[in-house]
Amino acid sequence: MAITAKCTRKCPGGRECTCNGSIHHEHHICRTPGCACHTAAAYGLEIVTDAREAVYVPRLARLEDVDRDPTA
């Protein structure tokens, strides 16, 4: 029988994290599908539509593209 440590942290929605506590992790999730911890925003993603195709992209990557100097 495997013994696993229980994570003592809470997910962004305030529920108990269901991850293994013996493995370091920063993104805590629960078992409730409608919770905020399961949204794209919780993973740092946002939906972008390009040429009628919707895709999730990292939020910071899009902002970095805007901030880049096009002459560089």
Protein backbone atom coordinates (compact mmCIF):
# COMPACT_ATOMS: atom_id res chain seq x y z
CA MET A 1 0.00 0.00 0.00
CA ALA A 2 1.47 3.33 -1.07
CA ILE A 3 1.65 6.10 1.47
CA THR A 4 1.32 9.61 0.08
CA ALA A 5 1.58 12.87 1.93
CA LYS A 6 -1.42 15.15 1.82
CA CYS A 7 -0.90 18.74 0.65
CA THR A 8 -1.97 21.15 3.37
CA ARG A 9 -2.48 24.16 1.07
CA LYS A 10 -5.75 25.46 -0.40
CA CYS A 11 -6.66 25.99 -4.05
CA PRO A 12 -7.47 29.54 -5.28
CA GLY A 13 -11.14 28.82 -4.54
CA GLY A 14 -10.36 28.02 -0.89
CA ARG A 15 -10.84 24.26 -1.07
CA GLU A 16 -8.35 21.58 0.03
CA CYS A 17 -5.64 20.80 -2.52
CA THR A 18 -5.75 17.22 -3.76
CA CYS A 19 -2.12 17.10 -4.91
CA ASN A 20 0.57 14.96 -3.32
CA GLY A 21 2.12 16.97 -0.51
CA SER A 22 5.52 15.30 -0.86
CA ILE A 23 5.99 16.85 -4.32
CA HIS A 24 6.63 20.61 -4.46
CA HIS A 25 3.94 22.37 -6.50
CA GLU A 26 2.63 25.91 -6.78
CA HIS A 27 -0.66 25.31 -8.59
CA HIS A 28 -3.06 23.83 -6.05
CA ILE A 29 -6.24 22.21 -7.37
CA CYS A 30 -9.34 20.67 -5.80
CA ARG A 31 -11.83 18.08 -7.02
CA THR A 32 -14.67 20.53 -7.75
CA PRO A 33 -14.92 21.04 -11.55
CA GLY A 34 -16.59 24.48 -11.29
CA CYS A 35 -13.93 25.89 -8.97
CA ALA A 36 -11.72 28.83 -9.99
CA CYS A 37 -8.61 26.62 -9.74
CA HIS A 38 -9.68 24.82 -12.93
CA THR A 39 -10.08 27.91 -15.12
CA ALA A 40 -7.67 28.98 -17.86
CA ALA A 41 -6.88 32.12 -15.84
CA ALA A 42 -5.67 29.96 -12.96
CA TYR A 43 -3.05 28.55 -15.32
CA GLY A 44 -2.05 32.03 -16.56
CA LEU A 45 -3.78 31.52 -19.92
CA GLU A 46 -6.24 33.60 -21.89
CA ILE A 47 -8.20 32.81 -25.01
CA VAL A 48 -7.19 34.61 -28.20
CA THR A 49 -9.05 34.41 -31.49
CA ASP A 50 -6.97 34.59 -34.65
CA ALA A 51 -8.33 33.87 -38.14
CA ARG A 52 -11.51 32.44 -36.62
CA GLU A 53 -9.54 29.98 -34.49
CA ALA A 54 -9.62 30.28 -30.71
CA VAL A 55 -6.53 29.19 -28.80
CA TYR A 56 -5.23 29.58 -25.26
CA VAL A 57 -1.96 31.47 -24.92
CA PRO A 58 0.13 32.41 -21.89
CA ARG A 59 -1.02 35.82 -20.69
CA LEU A 60 2.52 37.18 -20.25
CA ALA A 61 3.64 36.00 -23.68
CA ARG A 62 0.97 38.10 -25.35
CA LEU A 63 1.87 41.15 -23.28
CA GLU A 64 5.57 40.67 -24.10
CA ASP A 65 4.72 40.64 -27.82
CA VAL A 66 2.97 44.00 -27.46
CA ASP A 67 5.88 45.50 -25.50
CA ARG A 68 8.58 44.44 -27.98
CA ASP A 69 10.20 47.09 -30.13
CA PRO A 70 9.38 46.20 -33.75
CA THR A 71 12.58 47.92 -34.94
CA ALA A 72 14.83 45.77 -32.73
